[in-house]
Amino acid sequence: MHDQKMQVLQGTVGKLLRRGATTNLKKALGKIHPADIAHLCRYFELHEQKILLELTPDLDRVADVLSELEPESWPLLAELLEKDYLISIVHEMADDDSAVFIRSLPDALAEEILAALHDDQSDDVEHLLGYDEETAGSIMSTDVFSLDQDITVRQAIESLQGSEDYEMAFYVYVTDEHNHLVGVLSLRQLLTVPPGTCLRDIMSTNVMRVRTDMDQEQVAGLVAKYNILAIPVVDDQGKLLGLITVDDVIDVMRDEATEDILRMAGTSEEELLLGYKSLQIARLRLPWLLATLVGGVVTGTLMWYFRATLEQAIMLISFIPVITGMGGNVGGQTSTILVRGFATGKIDFSMVRQVFLKELRVGLIMGVVCGLVIAGVASVWHQNIYLGLAVGVAMVTAITVAACMGVIVTVFFKKIGVDPAIASSPFVQTVNDISGILIYFSTATLFLPYLI
């Protein structure tokens, strides 16, 4: 239903754009949700996206649309928009959104926008930009609502009623006189206790919190694990600095998943910025392909080394693609599961031995099943039971080793501080091609007297 709605909107907006019907287009954009306008922008060229932004009524709506657009398009759009108009849009954005937006821009433009912002907002944004990228501090909102532990419930409710300028108050955070985070309350608690009750008497002191230097992926993992709508951010002394809400966490999860998928495909997020620039995109992908090329050369060298075995039993050549292909698939499956496990926090280094033994058992089971099948095929095809036995044993060994290598390579990359997503492809594939060929021809050489 939503897809049909978006198709209708796309068609309508596209027709109005082509006709230059700016008045009608402005009216239409005023009725469309900012998130839907941002979604529509994906279907139009950059200059058309600029028109849609400029025709969207109300600067706060424009700011919402810009916040919802793909970050990869921000620098390109920023170059097209009038400088003063861009500054006025950023002024309407939340501090955390404007910090993320400004961080994506060229340094000169970013400094110009910061200098033009209102003093208070500029200070808050600069403060956020001071934190390392992809940390809790860099994505938190500084507009966090908190109350002193010594006030009453009645005073707290009155304060809440005037808290329009703050991030949505899912929870009420309680601080002491030095702004240290000491407790948390739900809105329900405030409404179900006597008005004269002091907050310190009803607050929960067990507050889930993160420090400013925590990786954003770990923050997302905590929010997902404990099913909370927001998580406060504190400094080393426990002072309340900001708040990360579930909408920010969803963006983090999407960005991290996109990054992992692109790296597993042997490229990076930079490719999304390049559009259709073939030469630059090829430059990004080539290093990983060259790594595979080196692996292929090693595989070819091994086959040349075992040429005597091939010359005496030429039927062995029939099963080379099967052995290497199966090993690569199994290794890729194992590595993908581990990459996902590390990314979601469901797997850590303390579980490596357990995961390795599990994958060893799974690989052995799959290897036996596939080995029996290929042994039967080889025996019937070439009328040689020993060939079937050799291919079957090689298949069992290759699949079992591939499953183990998927664990070992992924854990190795994680251990040395390299994102394990890049291990899935092409490294696991290359390693398993080499090990598969080595296992296959070593097994065939042992059985050679029975194959000729």
Protein backbone atom coordinates (compact mmCIF):
# COMPACT_ATOMS: atom_id res chain seq x y z
CA MET A 1 0.00 0.00 0.00
CA HIS A 2 2.79 2.42 0.93
CA ASP A 3 4.68 1.58 -2.29
CA GLN A 4 1.56 2.33 -4.35
CA LYS A 5 1.15 5.64 -2.53
CA MET A 6 4.78 6.58 -3.23
CA GLN A 7 4.39 5.66 -6.92
CA VAL A 8 1.34 7.94 -7.19
CA LEU A 9 3.17 10.77 -5.40
CA GLN A 10 6.24 10.30 -7.60
CA GLY A 11 4.11 10.50 -10.74
CA THR A 12 2.22 13.56 -9.54
CA VAL A 13 5.31 15.45 -8.35
CA GLY A 14 7.18 14.50 -11.53
CA LYS A 15 4.41 15.90 -13.76
CA LEU A 16 4.22 19.14 -11.77
CA LEU A 17 8.01 19.52 -11.98
CA ARG A 18 8.06 19.02 -15.74
CA ARG A 19 5.24 21.53 -16.23
CA GLY A 20 6.87 24.09 -13.94
CA ALA A 21 3.66 24.29 -11.90
CA THR A 22 5.39 25.74 -8.85
CA THR A 23 2.22 26.96 -7.13
CA ASN A 24 0.52 23.56 -7.30
CA LEU A 25 3.76 21.82 -6.39
CA LYS A 26 4.19 24.01 -3.31
CA LYS A 27 0.64 23.19 -2.19
CA ALA A 28 1.23 19.47 -2.74
CA LEU A 29 4.53 19.49 -0.82
CA GLY A 30 2.81 21.26 2.07
CA LYS A 31 0.54 18.23 2.50
CA ILE A 32 3.21 15.52 2.19
CA HIS A 33 5.07 14.26 5.25
CA PRO A 34 8.73 15.41 5.29
CA ALA A 35 9.94 11.78 5.37
CA ASP A 36 7.91 11.06 2.22
CA ILE A 37 9.33 14.14 0.49
CA ALA A 38 12.84 12.88 1.34
CA HIS A 39 11.90 9.46 -0.07
CA LEU A 40 10.60 11.10 -3.26
CA CYS A 41 13.87 12.96 -3.73
CA ARG A 42 15.62 9.64 -4.46
CA TYR A 43 13.77 9.44 -7.77
CA PHE A 44 14.86 12.87 -9.02
CA GLU A 45 18.10 14.47 -10.16
CA LEU A 46 20.01 16.78 -7.82
CA HIS A 47 18.78 20.00 -9.45
CA GLU A 48 15.20 18.70 -9.09
CA GLN A 49 15.81 17.83 -5.43
CA LYS A 50 16.98 21.43 -4.95
CA ILE A 51 13.68 22.68 -6.43
CA LEU A 52 11.66 20.39 -4.16
CA LEU A 53 13.49 21.67 -1.10
CA GLU A 54 13.04 25.30 -2.09
CA LEU A 55 9.33 24.81 -2.76
CA THR A 56 8.62 22.97 0.48
CA PRO A 57 6.78 25.47 2.72
CA ASP A 58 8.07 26.33 6.22
CA LEU A 59 11.76 26.17 7.04
CA ASP A 60 11.21 23.69 9.85
CA ARG A 61 9.66 21.25 7.34
CA VAL A 62 12.57 21.82 4.96
CA ALA A 63 14.96 21.07 7.83
CA ASP A 64 13.09 17.82 8.52
CA VAL A 65 13.31 16.85 4.84
CA LEU A 66 17.04 17.58 4.68
CA SER A 67 17.61 15.54 7.86
CA GLU A 68 15.79 12.56 6.30
CA LEU A 69 17.74 12.65 3.01
CA GLU A 70 20.58 10.20 2.42
CA PRO A 71 23.76 11.66 3.98
CA GLU A 72 25.65 10.88 0.77
CA SER A 73 23.65 13.58 -1.03
CA TRP A 74 24.19 16.33 1.56
CA PRO A 75 27.50 17.78 0.24
CA LEU A 76 26.18 17.79 -3.33
CA LEU A 77 22.92 19.52 -2.39
CA ALA A 78 24.71 22.00 -0.13
CA GLU A 79 26.77 23.19 -3.10
CA LEU A 80 23.60 23.87 -5.12
CA LEU A 81 21.60 25.75 -2.48
CA GLU A 82 21.99 29.46 -1.84
CA LYS A 83 24.35 29.98 1.12
CA ASP A 84 21.93 32.11 3.17
CA TYR A 85 19.06 29.70 2.52
CA LEU A 86 21.22 26.73 3.57
CA ILE A 87 22.21 28.52 6.79
CA SER A 88 18.56 29.28 7.59
CA ILE A 89 17.69 25.58 7.10
CA VAL A 90 20.50 24.41 9.37
CA HIS A 91 19.34 26.94 11.97
CA GLU A 92 15.99 25.08 12.16
CA MET A 93 17.59 21.63 12.53
CA ALA A 94 18.08 19.95 15.89
CA ASP A 95 21.63 20.33 17.21
CA ASP A 96 22.50 16.66 16.75
CA ASP A 97 21.11 16.60 13.19
CA SER A 98 22.89 19.84 12.23
CA ALA A 99 26.18 18.51 13.68
CA VAL A 100 25.95 15.35 11.58
CA PHE A 101 25.00 17.43 8.52
CA ILE A 102 27.84 19.94 8.95
CA ARG A 103 30.34 17.12 9.51
CA SER A 104 29.53 15.82 6.01
CA LEU A 105 30.31 19.15 4.30
CA PRO A 106 33.64 20.45 2.96
CA ASP A 107 35.64 22.20 5.71
CA ALA A 108 35.34 25.70 4.26
CA LEU A 109 31.55 25.52 3.89
CA ALA A 110 31.17 23.90 7.33
CA GLU A 111 33.13 26.72 9.00
CA GLU A 112 31.10 29.34 7.14
CA ILE A 113 27.81 27.83 8.33
CA LEU A 114 29.06 27.52 11.92
CA ALA A 115 30.13 31.16 11.92
CA ALA A 116 26.71 32.28 10.68
CA LEU A 117 24.63 30.28 13.17
CA HIS A 118 23.14 31.82 16.29
CA ASP A 119 25.72 31.93 19.10
CA ASP A 120 24.01 29.41 21.42
CA GLN A 121 23.30 26.91 18.66
CA SER A 122 26.78 27.36 17.21
CA ASP A 123 28.35 26.58 20.58
CA ASP A 124 26.23 23.42 21.00
CA VAL A 125 26.98 22.22 17.47
CA GLU A 126 30.71 22.90 17.83
CA HIS A 127 30.62 20.98 21.11
CA LEU A 128 29.07 17.99 19.33
CA LEU A 129 31.55 18.25 16.46
CA GLY A 130 34.34 18.02 19.03
CA TYR A 131 33.50 14.36 19.69
CA ASP A 132 34.98 11.64 17.52
CA GLU A 133 32.81 10.57 14.62
CA GLU A 134 30.56 7.54 15.22
CA THR A 135 30.64 7.90 19.01
CA ALA A 136 27.75 8.49 21.41
CA GLY A 137 28.84 12.11 21.88
CA SER A 138 28.66 12.85 18.15
CA ILE A 139 25.04 11.64 17.74
CA MET A 140 23.48 12.77 21.05
CA SER A 141 21.04 15.64 21.41
CA THR A 142 22.09 18.25 23.97
CA ASP A 143 18.44 19.31 24.46
CA VAL A 144 17.86 16.80 27.25
CA PHE A 145 15.15 17.38 29.87
CA SER A 146 16.19 16.75 33.46
CA LEU A 147 14.91 17.64 36.93
CA ASP A 148 16.54 18.16 40.31
CA GLN A 149 16.12 15.28 42.74
CA ASP A 150 14.88 17.59 45.53
CA ILE A 151 11.77 18.94 43.77
CA THR A 152 8.25 17.52 44.20
CA VAL A 153 6.10 15.63 41.71
CA ARG A 154 3.83 18.69 41.35
CA GLN A 155 6.80 20.88 40.40
CA ALA A 156 8.06 18.19 38.01
CA ILE A 157 4.74 18.05 36.15
CA GLU A 158 4.67 21.85 35.85
CA SER A 159 8.21 21.77 34.42
CA LEU A 160 7.23 19.05 31.94
CA GLN A 161 4.32 21.13 30.66
CA GLY A 162 6.78 23.81 29.60
CA SER A 163 9.35 21.49 28.01
CA GLU A 164 8.47 22.05 24.34
CA ASP A 165 12.03 22.94 23.31
CA TYR A 166 13.51 19.67 24.56
CA GLU A 167 13.95 16.28 22.91
CA MET A 168 10.82 14.18 23.44
CA ALA A 169 10.70 13.30 27.15
CA PHE A 170 10.18 9.52 27.08
CA TYR A 171 11.68 9.37 30.54
CA VAL A 172 12.38 11.97 33.20
CA TYR A 173 16.05 12.02 34.16
CA VAL A 174 16.89 13.18 37.66
CA THR A 175 20.10 14.99 38.58
CA ASP A 176 21.74 16.32 41.72
CA GLU A 177 22.85 19.92 42.32
CA HIS A 178 26.03 19.32 40.27
CA ASN A 179 24.12 17.87 37.28
CA HIS A 180 25.24 14.28 38.00
CA LEU A 181 22.72 11.74 36.67
CA VAL A 182 21.32 10.03 39.79
CA GLY A 183 17.98 8.55 38.74
CA VAL A 184 15.19 8.11 36.23
CA LEU A 185 11.39 8.20 36.33
CA SER A 186 8.69 7.15 33.92
CA LEU A 187 5.90 9.60 33.09
CA ARG A 188 3.46 7.05 34.51
CA GLN A 189 5.15 7.21 37.92
CA LEU A 190 4.72 10.99 38.05
CA LEU A 191 0.98 10.66 37.44
CA THR A 192 0.33 7.90 39.97
CA VAL A 193 1.96 9.25 43.16
CA PRO A 194 0.89 12.07 45.52
CA PRO A 195 1.85 15.54 44.17
CA GLY A 196 3.88 16.39 47.26
CA THR A 197 6.23 13.40 46.89
CA CYS A 198 9.92 14.23 46.41
CA LEU A 199 11.53 12.86 43.25
CA ARG A 200 14.45 11.31 45.16
CA ASP A 201 11.92 9.07 47.00
CA ILE A 202 10.38 7.51 43.88
CA MET A 203 13.16 7.60 41.28
CA SER A 204 15.01 4.47 40.14
CA THR A 205 18.73 4.81 40.73
CA ASN A 206 19.55 1.99 38.29
CA VAL A 207 19.90 4.14 35.17
CA MET A 208 21.15 2.68 31.89
CA ARG A 209 23.68 5.21 30.55
CA VAL A 210 26.56 5.52 28.08
CA ARG A 211 29.70 7.62 28.00
CA THR A 212 30.42 10.11 25.25
CA ASP A 213 33.27 8.02 23.81
CA MET A 214 31.27 4.80 23.41
CA ASP A 215 31.01 3.57 19.81
CA GLN A 216 27.61 4.33 18.28
CA GLU A 217 27.19 0.69 17.26
CA GLN A 218 27.52 -0.40 20.90
CA VAL A 219 24.95 2.24 21.89
CA ALA A 220 22.52 0.85 19.30
CA GLY A 221 23.14 -2.64 20.67
CA LEU A 222 22.23 -1.53 24.21
CA VAL A 223 19.02 0.19 23.09
CA ALA A 224 18.01 -2.91 21.11
CA LYS A 225 18.96 -5.31 23.92
CA TYR A 226 17.06 -3.53 26.69
CA ASN A 227 14.14 -2.27 24.54
CA ILE A 228 14.43 1.33 25.70
CA LEU A 229 13.29 4.43 23.81
CA ALA A 230 16.20 6.65 24.81
CA ILE A 231 19.52 6.45 26.60
CA PRO A 232 21.29 9.30 28.46
CA VAL A 233 24.89 10.26 27.72
CA VAL A 234 27.26 11.22 30.56
CA ASP A 235 30.88 12.34 30.88
CA ASP A 236 33.63 10.69 32.92
CA GLN A 237 32.26 12.23 36.14
CA GLY A 238 28.70 11.05 35.46
CA LYS A 239 27.34 14.49 34.53
CA LEU A 240 24.34 14.43 32.18
CA LEU A 241 25.36 15.84 28.79
CA GLY A 242 22.79 14.63 26.31
CA LEU A 243 20.31 12.05 25.09
CA ILE A 244 20.25 9.51 22.28
CA THR A 245 16.73 8.61 21.15
CA VAL A 246 15.49 5.55 19.32
CA ASP A 247 15.20 7.42 15.97
CA ASP A 248 18.95 8.16 16.12
CA VAL A 249 19.61 4.50 16.94
CA ILE A 250 17.60 3.34 13.91
CA ASP A 251 19.75 5.59 11.69
CA VAL A 252 22.91 4.12 13.26
CA MET A 253 21.71 0.55 12.68
CA ARG A 254 20.87 1.32 9.06
CA ASP A 255 24.21 3.03 8.44
CA GLU A 256 26.21 0.22 10.08
CA ALA A 257 24.28 -2.43 8.14
CA THR A 258 24.87 -0.53 4.88
CA GLU A 259 28.58 -0.23 5.67
CA ASP A 260 28.88 -3.96 6.42
CA ILE A 261 27.02 -4.98 3.25
CA LEU A 262 29.14 -2.69 1.06
CA ARG A 263 32.37 -3.96 2.59
CA MET A 264 31.27 -7.56 2.18
CA ALA A 265 30.74 -6.73 -1.49
CA GLY A 266 34.28 -5.35 -1.71
CA THR A 267 33.50 -1.64 -1.87
CA SER A 268 32.68 1.22 0.53
CA GLU A 269 30.15 3.98 1.26
CA GLU A 270 32.27 6.35 -0.78
CA GLU A 271 30.87 4.66 -3.90
CA LEU A 272 27.41 6.02 -3.06
CA LEU A 273 28.82 9.55 -3.33
CA LEU A 274 30.26 8.96 -6.78
CA GLY A 275 26.99 8.40 -8.65
CA TYR A 276 27.90 7.13 -12.12
CA LYS A 277 31.60 8.04 -12.11
CA SER A 278 32.88 4.74 -13.43
CA LEU A 279 36.61 5.38 -13.10
CA GLN A 280 36.46 6.35 -9.42
CA ILE A 281 34.09 3.48 -8.59
CA ALA A 282 36.41 1.01 -10.32
CA ARG A 283 39.30 2.41 -8.24
CA LEU A 284 37.38 1.59 -5.04
CA ARG A 285 36.58 -1.98 -6.08
CA LEU A 286 39.90 -2.91 -7.68
CA PRO A 287 41.96 -3.55 -4.50
CA TRP A 288 39.62 -6.32 -3.43
CA LEU A 289 39.50 -7.81 -6.92
CA LEU A 290 43.30 -7.75 -7.08
CA ALA A 291 43.40 -9.66 -3.79
CA THR A 292 41.16 -12.28 -5.39
CA LEU A 293 43.39 -12.26 -8.47
CA VAL A 294 46.43 -13.06 -6.33
CA GLY A 295 44.49 -15.89 -4.73
CA GLY A 296 43.58 -17.20 -8.16
CA VAL A 297 47.23 -17.18 -9.21
CA VAL A 298 48.14 -19.17 -6.07
CA THR A 299 45.36 -21.65 -6.88
CA GLY A 300 46.66 -22.00 -10.45
CA THR A 301 50.19 -22.54 -9.13
CA LEU A 302 48.96 -25.38 -6.92
CA MET A 303 47.20 -27.00 -9.87
CA TRP A 304 50.41 -26.73 -11.87
CA TYR A 305 52.31 -28.32 -9.00
CA PHE A 306 49.91 -31.29 -9.11
CA ARG A 307 49.97 -31.50 -12.93
CA ALA A 308 51.43 -35.00 -12.82
CA THR A 309 48.36 -36.20 -10.90
CA LEU A 310 46.08 -34.47 -13.41
CA GLU A 311 47.91 -35.92 -16.43
CA GLN A 312 47.56 -39.47 -15.10
CA ALA A 313 43.90 -39.11 -14.05
CA ILE A 314 42.36 -36.43 -16.27
CA MET A 315 38.86 -37.19 -14.95
CA LEU A 316 39.85 -35.29 -11.76
CA ILE A 317 39.37 -32.02 -13.63
CA SER A 318 35.58 -32.58 -13.65
CA PHE A 319 35.25 -31.89 -9.93
CA ILE A 320 37.57 -28.91 -9.40
CA PRO A 321 34.73 -26.31 -9.72
CA VAL A 322 32.56 -28.33 -7.32
CA ILE A 323 35.21 -28.55 -4.61
CA THR A 324 36.21 -24.86 -4.77
CA GLY A 325 32.64 -23.62 -5.19
CA MET A 326 31.26 -25.57 -2.24
CA GLY A 327 34.14 -24.53 0.01
CA GLY A 328 33.69 -20.88 -0.90
CA ASN A 329 29.93 -20.96 -0.25
CA VAL A 330 30.26 -22.66 3.14
CA GLY A 331 33.05 -20.32 4.24
CA GLY A 332 31.02 -17.31 3.11
CA GLN A 333 27.96 -18.49 5.07
CA THR A 334 30.00 -18.97 8.25
CA SER A 335 31.78 -15.63 7.92
CA THR A 336 28.53 -13.75 7.25
CA ILE A 337 26.95 -15.22 10.39
CA LEU A 338 29.97 -14.19 12.47
CA VAL A 339 30.09 -10.67 10.99
CA ARG A 340 26.43 -10.25 11.90
CA GLY A 341 27.02 -11.73 15.36
CA PHE A 342 29.88 -9.33 16.10
CA ALA A 343 27.88 -6.38 14.74
CA THR A 344 24.82 -7.09 16.93
CA GLY A 345 26.83 -8.03 20.02
CA LYS A 346 25.49 -11.60 20.09
CA ILE A 347 29.01 -12.95 19.60
CA ASP A 348 32.18 -11.80 21.36
CA PHE A 349 35.71 -13.16 21.83
CA SER A 350 34.70 -15.21 24.87
CA MET A 351 32.41 -17.27 22.62
CA VAL A 352 34.91 -17.93 19.81
CA ARG A 353 35.80 -21.47 20.96
CA GLN A 354 32.13 -22.40 21.27
CA VAL A 355 31.31 -20.92 17.84
CA PHE A 356 34.31 -22.64 16.25
CA LEU A 357 33.27 -26.07 17.58
CA LYS A 358 29.69 -25.49 16.44
CA GLU A 359 30.81 -24.55 12.91
CA LEU A 360 33.19 -27.54 12.89
CA ARG A 361 30.26 -29.88 13.63
CA VAL A 362 27.97 -28.15 11.13
CA GLY A 363 30.70 -28.25 8.46
CA LEU A 364 31.31 -31.93 9.11
CA ILE A 365 27.60 -32.77 8.79
CA MET A 366 27.21 -30.79 5.57
CA GLY A 367 30.48 -32.21 4.25
CA VAL A 368 29.39 -35.83 4.85
CA VAL A 369 26.05 -35.28 3.10
CA CYS A 370 27.60 -33.47 0.11
CA GLY A 371 30.53 -35.91 0.05
CA LEU A 372 28.22 -38.91 -0.23
CA VAL A 373 26.29 -37.26 -3.05
CA ILE A 374 29.39 -36.29 -5.07
CA ALA A 375 30.99 -39.70 -4.41
CA GLY A 376 27.95 -41.38 -5.92
CA VAL A 377 27.98 -39.05 -8.93
CA ALA A 378 31.71 -39.56 -9.55
CA SER A 379 31.50 -43.36 -9.21
CA VAL A 380 28.61 -43.65 -11.68
CA TRP A 381 29.92 -41.04 -14.12
CA HIS A 382 33.47 -42.36 -14.49
CA GLN A 383 32.75 -45.97 -13.51
CA ASN A 384 35.42 -45.86 -10.81
CA ILE A 385 34.51 -46.33 -7.16
CA TYR A 386 37.95 -45.15 -6.02
CA LEU A 387 37.48 -41.86 -7.84
CA GLY A 388 34.15 -41.46 -6.00
CA LEU A 389 35.89 -42.22 -2.72
CA ALA A 390 38.68 -39.69 -3.42
CA VAL A 391 36.26 -36.92 -4.43
CA GLY A 392 33.95 -37.70 -1.49
CA VAL A 393 36.75 -37.59 1.10
CA ALA A 394 38.07 -34.35 -0.42
CA MET A 395 34.58 -32.82 -0.32
CA VAL A 396 34.05 -33.73 3.36
CA THR A 397 37.46 -32.31 4.29
CA ALA A 398 37.16 -29.16 2.14
CA ILE A 399 33.71 -28.19 3.48
CA THR A 400 34.74 -28.84 7.10
CA VAL A 401 37.92 -26.79 6.68
CA ALA A 402 35.98 -24.02 4.89
CA ALA A 403 33.53 -23.71 7.79
CA CYS A 404 36.44 -23.47 10.24
CA MET A 405 38.30 -20.96 8.05
CA GLY A 406 35.19 -18.76 7.96
CA VAL A 407 35.49 -18.48 11.75
CA ILE A 408 39.28 -18.14 11.90
CA VAL A 409 39.62 -15.43 9.22
CA THR A 410 36.71 -13.35 10.56
CA VAL A 411 37.94 -13.54 14.17
CA PHE A 412 41.48 -12.70 13.03
CA PHE A 413 40.34 -9.50 11.32
CA LYS A 414 38.23 -8.54 14.33
CA LYS A 415 41.16 -9.20 16.67
CA ILE A 416 43.60 -6.96 14.78
CA GLY A 417 41.09 -4.12 14.62
CA VAL A 418 40.04 -4.46 10.97
CA ASP A 419 36.29 -4.48 10.27
CA PRO A 420 35.49 -8.20 9.83
CA ALA A 421 32.92 -7.39 7.16
CA ILE A 422 35.75 -7.22 4.62
CA ALA A 423 36.73 -10.80 5.50
CA SER A 424 33.59 -12.33 4.02
CA SER A 425 34.54 -11.51 0.49
CA PRO A 426 37.02 -11.86 -1.04
CA PHE A 427 39.40 -13.16 1.64
CA VAL A 428 37.39 -16.16 2.82
CA GLN A 429 36.62 -17.10 -0.78
CA THR A 430 40.29 -16.89 -1.77
CA VAL A 431 41.54 -18.81 1.27
CA ASN A 432 38.98 -21.57 0.71
CA ASP A 433 39.81 -21.83 -3.01
CA ILE A 434 43.45 -22.40 -2.11
CA SER A 435 42.72 -24.85 0.71
CA GLY A 436 40.10 -26.67 -1.42
CA ILE A 437 42.52 -27.25 -4.30
CA LEU A 438 45.28 -28.35 -1.92
CA ILE A 439 42.96 -30.82 -0.17
CA TYR A 440 41.50 -32.15 -3.42
CA PHE A 441 44.78 -32.83 -5.19
CA SER A 442 46.49 -34.15 -2.06
CA THR A 443 43.65 -36.65 -1.62
CA ALA A 444 43.69 -37.53 -5.32
CA THR A 445 47.47 -38.12 -5.20
CA LEU A 446 46.99 -40.60 -2.34
CA PHE A 447 44.37 -42.47 -4.36
CA LEU A 448 46.29 -42.15 -7.66
CA PRO A 449 47.39 -45.84 -7.87
CA TYR A 450 43.68 -46.80 -7.94
CA LEU A 451 42.66 -44.17 -10.50
CA ILE A 452 44.95 -45.16 -13.39
